[in-house]
Amino acid sequence: MSEYRERTTGEVKSQGQWRAAFPNMSLPRVWTSNVCDAMNIDPVLASPAATTSAYQTSVRDGVEQDSNGNWVEKYVAKDMFADTTEDGVTTTKAEHEAAYQSTLDANTATSNRSTRDSKLAETDWHGMSDVTMSSEMTTYRQALRDITAHENWPNLEDADWPTKP
């Protein structure tokens, strides 16, 4: 969505809102610098989100001028959690973060167990009575069953998974 900043007041509006503010002005579909000058506005350019840590989120905080004099979107890093008190019980920011991380870890563990189960199902036919399972396949399948004991569990990387023989 295109946004524009009014040069005198600093008010920021979308292109549609500016069109509505100038109902008697015929405006082209594409706004050039001449159109912006006639309306006394500057375009607001997109900018990247703020750099955040694990328990922060990037939040839009108005607009600002960059080093080239262009108006750009301003983003700031905001903490996701803070100390809270409910019914006289205070929960610290650290406790909120730990609970959030536990939820993320539980979801990751569920996903990894599903992946593990699929990998085991792909090799189930090796365990049929008329097939002799190789020692490599036996080792692979046991490594899949033991994946929950891996030191990086549940936050596994591709290299943490056993290699199928």
N, C-alpha and C. Protein backbone atom coordinates (compact mmCIF):
# COMPACT_ATOMS: atom_id res chain seq x y z
N MET A 1 0.84 -1.16 0.00
CA MET A 1 0.00 0.00 0.00
C MET A 1 0.90 1.24 0.00
N SER A 2 0.68 2.13 -0.92
CA SER A 2 1.46 3.36 -1.02
C SER A 2 1.02 4.35 0.04
N GLU A 3 2.00 4.95 0.71
CA GLU A 3 1.73 5.97 1.70
C GLU A 3 2.47 7.24 1.32
N TYR A 4 1.90 8.36 1.76
CA TYR A 4 2.50 9.66 1.47
C TYR A 4 2.42 10.52 2.72
N ARG A 5 3.45 11.38 2.91
CA ARG A 5 3.53 12.26 4.08
C ARG A 5 3.33 13.70 3.66
N GLU A 6 2.41 14.38 4.33
CA GLU A 6 2.16 15.80 4.07
C GLU A 6 3.35 16.60 4.60
N ARG A 7 3.89 17.48 3.78
CA ARG A 7 5.14 18.18 4.11
C ARG A 7 5.01 19.14 5.29
N THR A 8 3.89 19.79 5.48
CA THR A 8 3.78 20.77 6.57
C THR A 8 3.34 20.14 7.88
N THR A 9 2.35 19.27 7.85
CA THR A 9 1.81 18.72 9.09
C THR A 9 2.48 17.40 9.48
N GLY A 10 3.10 16.70 8.53
CA GLY A 10 3.70 15.41 8.82
C GLY A 10 2.70 14.26 8.83
N GLU A 11 1.45 14.56 8.47
CA GLU A 11 0.40 13.55 8.45
C GLU A 11 0.68 12.52 7.35
N VAL A 12 0.54 11.24 7.70
CA VAL A 12 0.79 10.15 6.75
C VAL A 12 -0.55 9.49 6.43
N LYS A 13 -0.83 9.35 5.13
CA LYS A 13 -2.06 8.72 4.67
C LYS A 13 -1.75 7.83 3.48
N SER A 14 -2.66 6.89 3.22
CA SER A 14 -2.54 6.05 2.04
C SER A 14 -2.91 6.87 0.80
N GLN A 15 -2.60 6.34 -0.36
CA GLN A 15 -2.94 7.03 -1.61
C GLN A 15 -4.46 7.24 -1.71
N GLY A 16 -5.22 6.23 -1.30
CA GLY A 16 -6.68 6.35 -1.33
C GLY A 16 -7.19 7.44 -0.41
N GLN A 17 -6.59 7.56 0.75
CA GLN A 17 -7.00 8.61 1.69
C GLN A 17 -6.65 10.00 1.14
N TRP A 18 -5.50 10.11 0.47
CA TRP A 18 -5.14 11.40 -0.13
C TRP A 18 -6.07 11.74 -1.29
N ARG A 19 -6.45 10.74 -2.06
CA ARG A 19 -7.40 10.99 -3.15
C ARG A 19 -8.72 11.52 -2.59
N ALA A 20 -9.18 10.93 -1.49
CA ALA A 20 -10.42 11.38 -0.86
C ALA A 20 -10.28 12.80 -0.29
N ALA A 21 -9.06 13.15 0.13
CA ALA A 21 -8.83 14.49 0.69
C ALA A 21 -8.82 15.57 -0.41
N PHE A 22 -8.61 15.16 -1.65
CA PHE A 22 -8.61 16.08 -2.79
C PHE A 22 -9.68 15.66 -3.78
N PRO A 23 -10.96 15.72 -3.40
CA PRO A 23 -12.02 15.18 -4.26
C PRO A 23 -12.21 15.95 -5.56
N ASN A 24 -11.81 17.20 -5.60
CA ASN A 24 -12.01 18.00 -6.81
C ASN A 24 -10.79 18.06 -7.71
N MET A 25 -9.77 17.27 -7.37
CA MET A 25 -8.54 17.26 -8.16
C MET A 25 -8.50 15.96 -8.96
N SER A 26 -8.27 16.07 -10.26
CA SER A 26 -8.13 14.89 -11.10
C SER A 26 -6.70 14.39 -10.94
N LEU A 27 -6.56 13.17 -10.43
CA LEU A 27 -5.24 12.62 -10.16
C LEU A 27 -4.95 11.43 -11.07
N PRO A 28 -3.72 11.35 -11.58
CA PRO A 28 -3.36 10.21 -12.43
C PRO A 28 -3.21 8.94 -11.60
N ARG A 29 -3.17 7.83 -12.28
CA ARG A 29 -3.01 6.55 -11.60
C ARG A 29 -1.63 6.46 -10.93
N VAL A 30 -0.58 6.87 -11.64
CA VAL A 30 0.78 6.86 -11.11
C VAL A 30 1.15 8.27 -10.69
N TRP A 31 1.59 8.43 -9.45
CA TRP A 31 1.93 9.75 -8.94
C TRP A 31 3.42 10.03 -9.14
N THR A 32 3.72 11.02 -9.93
CA THR A 32 5.11 11.44 -10.18
C THR A 32 5.49 12.49 -9.16
N SER A 33 6.71 12.96 -9.23
CA SER A 33 7.16 14.02 -8.31
C SER A 33 6.36 15.30 -8.54
N ASN A 34 5.92 15.56 -9.78
CA ASN A 34 5.11 16.75 -10.05
C ASN A 34 3.76 16.68 -9.32
N VAL A 35 3.15 15.51 -9.31
CA VAL A 35 1.87 15.33 -8.62
C VAL A 35 2.08 15.52 -7.12
N CYS A 36 3.16 14.92 -6.59
CA CYS A 36 3.45 15.06 -5.16
C CYS A 36 3.69 16.52 -4.79
N ASP A 37 4.42 17.24 -5.64
CA ASP A 37 4.67 18.67 -5.37
C ASP A 37 3.37 19.45 -5.36
N ALA A 38 2.47 19.17 -6.30
CA ALA A 38 1.20 19.88 -6.37
C ALA A 38 0.34 19.62 -5.13
N MET A 39 0.47 18.44 -4.55
CA MET A 39 -0.31 18.08 -3.37
C MET A 39 0.44 18.36 -2.07
N ASN A 40 1.72 18.78 -2.19
CA ASN A 40 2.57 19.08 -1.03
C ASN A 40 2.80 17.84 -0.16
N ILE A 41 3.08 16.72 -0.82
CA ILE A 41 3.31 15.47 -0.11
C ILE A 41 4.59 14.83 -0.61
N ASP A 42 5.13 13.90 0.18
CA ASP A 42 6.30 13.10 -0.20
C ASP A 42 5.93 11.63 -0.06
N PRO A 43 6.44 10.79 -0.96
CA PRO A 43 6.18 9.36 -0.81
C PRO A 43 6.92 8.79 0.41
N VAL A 44 6.32 7.81 1.03
CA VAL A 44 6.97 7.08 2.12
C VAL A 44 7.42 5.74 1.54
N LEU A 45 8.72 5.51 1.58
CA LEU A 45 9.30 4.30 1.00
C LEU A 45 9.31 3.16 2.02
N ALA A 46 9.26 1.96 1.50
CA ALA A 46 9.33 0.78 2.36
C ALA A 46 10.74 0.65 2.94
N SER A 47 10.83 0.12 4.13
CA SER A 47 12.13 -0.12 4.75
C SER A 47 12.09 -1.47 5.46
N PRO A 48 13.25 -2.04 5.75
CA PRO A 48 13.26 -3.35 6.38
C PRO A 48 12.79 -3.28 7.84
N ALA A 49 12.30 -4.38 8.32
CA ALA A 49 11.87 -4.48 9.71
C ALA A 49 13.09 -4.35 10.62
N ALA A 50 12.84 -4.01 11.87
CA ALA A 50 13.91 -3.89 12.85
C ALA A 50 14.52 -5.26 13.15
N THR A 51 15.78 -5.27 13.50
CA THR A 51 16.45 -6.49 13.92
C THR A 51 15.96 -6.85 15.32
N THR A 52 15.56 -8.09 15.50
CA THR A 52 14.97 -8.49 16.77
C THR A 52 15.72 -9.68 17.36
N SER A 53 15.54 -9.87 18.67
CA SER A 53 16.05 -11.06 19.34
C SER A 53 14.93 -12.09 19.40
N ALA A 54 15.18 -13.20 20.08
CA ALA A 54 14.21 -14.30 20.12
C ALA A 54 12.87 -13.91 20.72
N TYR A 55 12.88 -12.99 21.67
CA TYR A 55 11.64 -12.63 22.35
C TYR A 55 11.24 -11.19 22.07
N GLN A 56 11.51 -10.75 20.86
CA GLN A 56 11.11 -9.42 20.41
C GLN A 56 10.38 -9.54 19.08
N THR A 57 9.65 -8.49 18.75
CA THR A 57 8.98 -8.42 17.47
C THR A 57 9.23 -7.04 16.88
N SER A 58 9.19 -6.94 15.56
CA SER A 58 9.39 -5.67 14.89
C SER A 58 8.03 -4.99 14.74
N VAL A 59 7.95 -3.71 15.17
CA VAL A 59 6.69 -2.98 15.17
C VAL A 59 6.87 -1.67 14.40
N ARG A 60 5.90 -1.34 13.57
CA ARG A 60 5.92 -0.07 12.83
C ARG A 60 5.74 1.08 13.81
N ASP A 61 6.60 2.09 13.70
CA ASP A 61 6.58 3.23 14.61
C ASP A 61 6.66 4.53 13.82
N GLY A 62 5.73 4.70 12.89
CA GLY A 62 5.67 5.94 12.11
C GLY A 62 6.63 5.95 10.94
N VAL A 63 7.10 7.15 10.62
CA VAL A 63 8.03 7.33 9.51
C VAL A 63 9.19 8.20 9.98
N GLU A 64 10.30 8.13 9.26
CA GLU A 64 11.47 8.95 9.56
C GLU A 64 12.21 9.24 8.27
N GLN A 65 13.08 10.23 8.31
CA GLN A 65 13.88 10.57 7.14
C GLN A 65 15.17 9.78 7.19
N ASP A 66 15.54 9.20 6.04
CA ASP A 66 16.81 8.48 5.98
C ASP A 66 17.95 9.44 5.64
N SER A 67 19.14 8.91 5.49
CA SER A 67 20.32 9.76 5.24
C SER A 67 20.27 10.46 3.88
N ASN A 68 19.41 9.98 2.98
CA ASN A 68 19.27 10.61 1.66
C ASN A 68 18.13 11.63 1.61
N GLY A 69 17.47 11.84 2.74
CA GLY A 69 16.36 12.80 2.78
C GLY A 69 15.02 12.21 2.38
N ASN A 70 14.96 10.91 2.12
CA ASN A 70 13.70 10.24 1.78
C ASN A 70 12.94 9.90 3.06
N TRP A 71 11.63 9.92 2.97
CA TRP A 71 10.81 9.46 4.09
C TRP A 71 10.61 7.97 3.95
N VAL A 72 10.90 7.24 5.03
CA VAL A 72 10.82 5.78 5.03
C VAL A 72 10.04 5.30 6.25
N GLU A 73 9.51 4.09 6.15
CA GLU A 73 8.82 3.48 7.28
C GLU A 73 9.83 3.28 8.42
N LYS A 74 9.40 3.54 9.65
CA LYS A 74 10.27 3.36 10.81
C LYS A 74 9.78 2.15 11.59
N TYR A 75 10.69 1.25 11.90
CA TYR A 75 10.37 0.07 12.69
C TYR A 75 11.27 0.04 13.92
N VAL A 76 10.72 -0.45 15.03
CA VAL A 76 11.48 -0.61 16.26
C VAL A 76 11.28 -2.03 16.79
N ALA A 77 12.26 -2.52 17.52
CA ALA A 77 12.15 -3.82 18.16
C ALA A 77 11.42 -3.64 19.48
N LYS A 78 10.39 -4.43 19.70
CA LYS A 78 9.59 -4.34 20.91
C LYS A 78 9.59 -5.69 21.61
N ASP A 79 9.76 -5.67 22.92
CA ASP A 79 9.72 -6.91 23.69
C ASP A 79 8.34 -7.54 23.57
N MET A 80 8.31 -8.86 23.42
CA MET A 80 7.04 -9.57 23.34
C MET A 80 6.38 -9.70 24.71
N PHE A 81 7.20 -9.67 25.76
CA PHE A 81 6.68 -9.93 27.10
C PHE A 81 7.14 -8.85 28.07
N ALA A 82 6.39 -8.72 29.18
CA ALA A 82 6.73 -7.81 30.27
C ALA A 82 6.21 -8.44 31.56
N ASP A 83 6.67 -7.92 32.69
CA ASP A 83 6.13 -8.38 33.97
C ASP A 83 4.64 -8.04 34.02
N THR A 84 3.84 -8.96 34.53
CA THR A 84 2.41 -8.73 34.66
C THR A 84 1.96 -9.11 36.07
N THR A 85 0.90 -8.46 36.51
CA THR A 85 0.29 -8.80 37.79
C THR A 85 -1.20 -9.01 37.56
N GLU A 86 -1.67 -10.18 37.94
CA GLU A 86 -3.08 -10.50 37.80
C GLU A 86 -3.57 -11.13 39.09
N ASP A 87 -4.60 -10.55 39.66
CA ASP A 87 -5.15 -11.02 40.94
C ASP A 87 -4.07 -11.11 42.02
N GLY A 88 -3.17 -10.14 42.03
CA GLY A 88 -2.12 -10.08 43.04
C GLY A 88 -0.94 -11.00 42.80
N VAL A 89 -0.96 -11.76 41.70
CA VAL A 89 0.14 -12.68 41.38
C VAL A 89 0.97 -12.07 40.26
N THR A 90 2.26 -11.88 40.53
CA THR A 90 3.15 -11.28 39.54
C THR A 90 3.87 -12.38 38.76
N THR A 91 3.82 -12.26 37.45
CA THR A 91 4.55 -13.17 36.57
C THR A 91 5.63 -12.33 35.89
N THR A 92 6.88 -12.77 36.02
CA THR A 92 7.98 -11.98 35.48
C THR A 92 8.10 -12.18 33.97
N LYS A 93 8.82 -11.26 33.36
CA LYS A 93 9.09 -11.34 31.92
C LYS A 93 9.80 -12.65 31.60
N ALA A 94 10.76 -13.04 32.45
CA ALA A 94 11.51 -14.29 32.23
C ALA A 94 10.58 -15.51 32.28
N GLU A 95 9.59 -15.49 33.16
CA GLU A 95 8.64 -16.60 33.24
C GLU A 95 7.77 -16.67 31.99
N HIS A 96 7.35 -15.50 31.50
CA HIS A 96 6.58 -15.47 30.25
C HIS A 96 7.41 -16.02 29.10
N GLU A 97 8.69 -15.61 29.03
CA GLU A 97 9.56 -16.08 27.96
C GLU A 97 9.78 -17.59 28.04
N ALA A 98 9.96 -18.11 29.26
CA ALA A 98 10.16 -19.55 29.44
C ALA A 98 8.92 -20.33 29.00
N ALA A 99 7.74 -19.83 29.33
CA ALA A 99 6.50 -20.50 28.93
C ALA A 99 6.35 -20.48 27.41
N TYR A 100 6.67 -19.35 26.79
CA TYR A 100 6.60 -19.23 25.33
C TYR A 100 7.58 -20.20 24.67
N GLN A 101 8.81 -20.27 25.21
CA GLN A 101 9.82 -21.18 24.64
C GLN A 101 9.39 -22.63 24.81
N SER A 102 8.76 -22.95 25.93
CA SER A 102 8.25 -24.32 26.14
C SER A 102 7.21 -24.69 25.09
N THR A 103 6.36 -23.74 24.77
CA THR A 103 5.34 -23.98 23.74
C THR A 103 6.00 -24.19 22.38
N LEU A 104 6.98 -23.34 22.06
CA LEU A 104 7.69 -23.51 20.78
C LEU A 104 8.38 -24.86 20.72
N ASP A 105 9.06 -25.25 21.82
CA ASP A 105 9.76 -26.53 21.86
C ASP A 105 8.79 -27.70 21.73
N ALA A 106 7.63 -27.60 22.37
CA ALA A 106 6.63 -28.68 22.28
C ALA A 106 6.12 -28.82 20.85
N ASN A 107 5.88 -27.70 20.18
CA ASN A 107 5.41 -27.75 18.78
C ASN A 107 6.49 -28.33 17.87
N THR A 108 7.74 -27.94 18.11
CA THR A 108 8.86 -28.46 17.31
C THR A 108 9.02 -29.96 17.56
N ALA A 109 8.90 -30.38 18.81
CA ALA A 109 9.02 -31.80 19.13
C ALA A 109 7.92 -32.61 18.45
N THR A 110 6.70 -32.10 18.44
CA THR A 110 5.59 -32.79 17.77
C THR A 110 5.88 -32.94 16.28
N SER A 111 6.37 -31.88 15.67
CA SER A 111 6.70 -31.92 14.24
C SER A 111 7.83 -32.92 13.98
N ASN A 112 8.86 -32.91 14.82
CA ASN A 112 9.98 -33.83 14.63
C ASN A 112 9.57 -35.29 14.84
N ARG A 113 8.67 -35.52 15.79
CA ARG A 113 8.18 -36.90 15.99
C ARG A 113 7.41 -37.38 14.76
N SER A 114 6.66 -36.48 14.17
CA SER A 114 5.91 -36.82 12.96
C SER A 114 6.87 -37.15 11.82
N THR A 115 7.93 -36.36 11.68
CA THR A 115 8.95 -36.62 10.65
C THR A 115 9.61 -37.96 10.91
N ARG A 116 9.96 -38.22 12.17
CA ARG A 116 10.59 -39.49 12.55
C ARG A 116 9.68 -40.66 12.22
N ASP A 117 8.40 -40.53 12.56
CA ASP A 117 7.44 -41.61 12.29
C ASP A 117 7.31 -41.88 10.79
N SER A 118 7.34 -40.82 9.99
CA SER A 118 7.27 -40.98 8.53
C SER A 118 8.50 -41.71 8.01
N LYS A 119 9.66 -41.34 8.53
CA LYS A 119 10.90 -41.99 8.08
C LYS A 119 10.91 -43.47 8.48
N LEU A 120 10.38 -43.77 9.66
CA LEU A 120 10.28 -45.17 10.06
C LEU A 120 9.29 -45.92 9.17
N ALA A 121 8.16 -45.29 8.87
CA ALA A 121 7.14 -45.94 8.03
C ALA A 121 7.68 -46.24 6.64
N GLU A 122 8.56 -45.37 6.13
CA GLU A 122 9.15 -45.59 4.80
C GLU A 122 10.00 -46.86 4.76
N THR A 123 10.52 -47.25 5.92
CA THR A 123 11.42 -48.41 5.96
C THR A 123 10.79 -49.62 6.63
N ASP A 124 9.51 -49.56 6.97
CA ASP A 124 8.84 -50.68 7.64
C ASP A 124 8.92 -51.97 6.83
N TRP A 125 8.90 -51.87 5.53
CA TRP A 125 8.90 -53.07 4.70
C TRP A 125 10.17 -53.90 4.90
N HIS A 126 11.23 -53.26 5.40
CA HIS A 126 12.48 -54.01 5.68
C HIS A 126 12.29 -55.01 6.81
N GLY A 127 11.24 -54.80 7.63
CA GLY A 127 11.01 -55.68 8.77
C GLY A 127 10.03 -56.80 8.50
N MET A 128 9.62 -56.95 7.25
CA MET A 128 8.69 -58.03 6.91
C MET A 128 9.40 -59.38 7.04
N SER A 129 8.62 -60.41 7.28
CA SER A 129 9.18 -61.74 7.56
C SER A 129 9.96 -62.33 6.38
N ASP A 130 9.65 -61.92 5.16
CA ASP A 130 10.35 -62.48 4.01
C ASP A 130 11.51 -61.59 3.53
N VAL A 131 11.89 -60.59 4.32
CA VAL A 131 13.00 -59.69 3.98
C VAL A 131 14.01 -59.72 5.12
N THR A 132 15.27 -59.83 4.76
CA THR A 132 16.31 -59.79 5.77
C THR A 132 16.79 -58.34 5.88
N MET A 133 16.63 -57.78 7.08
CA MET A 133 17.03 -56.39 7.28
C MET A 133 18.54 -56.32 7.48
N SER A 134 19.18 -55.40 6.75
CA SER A 134 20.62 -55.23 6.88
C SER A 134 20.94 -54.59 8.23
N SER A 135 22.17 -54.75 8.67
CA SER A 135 22.57 -54.15 9.94
C SER A 135 22.56 -52.62 9.84
N GLU A 136 22.86 -52.09 8.63
CA GLU A 136 22.83 -50.63 8.44
C GLU A 136 21.40 -50.10 8.61
N MET A 137 20.43 -50.85 8.07
CA MET A 137 19.04 -50.43 8.19
C MET A 137 18.58 -50.55 9.64
N THR A 138 18.99 -51.61 10.32
CA THR A 138 18.65 -51.77 11.73
C THR A 138 19.21 -50.61 12.54
N THR A 139 20.45 -50.23 12.27
CA THR A 139 21.10 -49.11 12.97
C THR A 139 20.38 -47.80 12.66
N TYR A 140 20.02 -47.60 11.41
CA TYR A 140 19.29 -46.38 11.01
C TYR A 140 17.96 -46.28 11.74
N ARG A 141 17.20 -47.37 11.73
CA ARG A 141 15.89 -47.35 12.37
C ARG A 141 16.01 -47.14 13.89
N GLN A 142 17.03 -47.72 14.50
CA GLN A 142 17.23 -47.51 15.93
C GLN A 142 17.62 -46.06 16.21
N ALA A 143 18.43 -45.46 15.33
CA ALA A 143 18.81 -44.05 15.49
C ALA A 143 17.58 -43.15 15.38
N LEU A 144 16.65 -43.50 14.50
CA LEU A 144 15.41 -42.73 14.40
C LEU A 144 14.60 -42.83 15.69
N ARG A 145 14.53 -44.05 16.26
CA ARG A 145 13.78 -44.22 17.50
C ARG A 145 14.44 -43.45 18.65
N ASP A 146 15.77 -43.34 18.62
CA ASP A 146 16.51 -42.67 19.69
C ASP A 146 16.69 -41.17 19.47
N ILE A 147 16.10 -40.62 18.41
CA ILE A 147 16.33 -39.21 18.06
C ILE A 147 15.91 -38.26 19.18
N THR A 148 14.93 -38.66 20.00
CA THR A 148 14.48 -37.79 21.09
C THR A 148 15.53 -37.64 22.19
N ALA A 149 16.55 -38.48 22.19
CA ALA A 149 17.63 -38.38 23.17
C ALA A 149 18.80 -37.55 22.63
N HIS A 150 18.68 -37.06 21.39
CA HIS A 150 19.75 -36.25 20.78
C HIS A 150 19.98 -34.99 21.59
N GLU A 151 21.21 -34.54 21.68
CA GLU A 151 21.55 -33.36 22.50
C GLU A 151 20.86 -32.08 22.03
N ASN A 152 20.49 -31.99 20.75
CA ASN A 152 19.83 -30.79 20.23
C ASN A 152 18.30 -30.89 20.25
N TRP A 153 17.77 -32.02 20.75
CA TRP A 153 16.32 -32.20 20.77
C TRP A 153 15.65 -31.11 21.56
N PRO A 154 14.56 -30.50 21.12
CA PRO A 154 13.82 -30.79 19.89
C PRO A 154 14.25 -29.92 18.70
N ASN A 155 15.26 -29.07 18.91
CA ASN A 155 15.66 -28.12 17.87
C ASN A 155 16.74 -28.73 16.97
N LEU A 156 16.33 -29.72 16.22
CA LEU A 156 17.26 -30.46 15.36
C LEU A 156 17.55 -29.70 14.08
N GLU A 157 18.76 -29.89 13.58
CA GLU A 157 19.12 -29.39 12.26
C GLU A 157 19.15 -30.59 11.33
N ASP A 158 19.22 -30.33 10.04
CA ASP A 158 19.23 -31.43 9.06
C ASP A 158 20.35 -32.42 9.34
N ALA A 159 21.50 -31.92 9.76
CA ALA A 159 22.66 -32.79 10.00
C ALA A 159 22.47 -33.68 11.23
N ASP A 160 21.52 -33.37 12.09
CA ASP A 160 21.28 -34.17 13.29
C ASP A 160 20.51 -35.45 13.00
N TRP A 161 19.83 -35.51 11.88
CA TRP A 161 19.05 -36.69 11.54
C TRP A 161 19.98 -37.78 11.01
N PRO A 162 19.68 -39.05 11.33
CA PRO A 162 20.52 -40.13 10.77
C PRO A 162 20.35 -40.23 9.26
N THR A 163 21.37 -40.71 8.61
CA THR A 163 21.37 -40.85 7.15
C THR A 163 20.84 -42.22 6.78
N LYS A 164 19.88 -42.23 5.88
CA LYS A 164 19.28 -43.49 5.44
C LYS A 164 20.30 -44.24 4.60
N PRO A 165 20.50 -45.53 4.90
CA PRO A 165 21.48 -46.31 4.11
C PRO A 165 20.98 -46.60 2.70
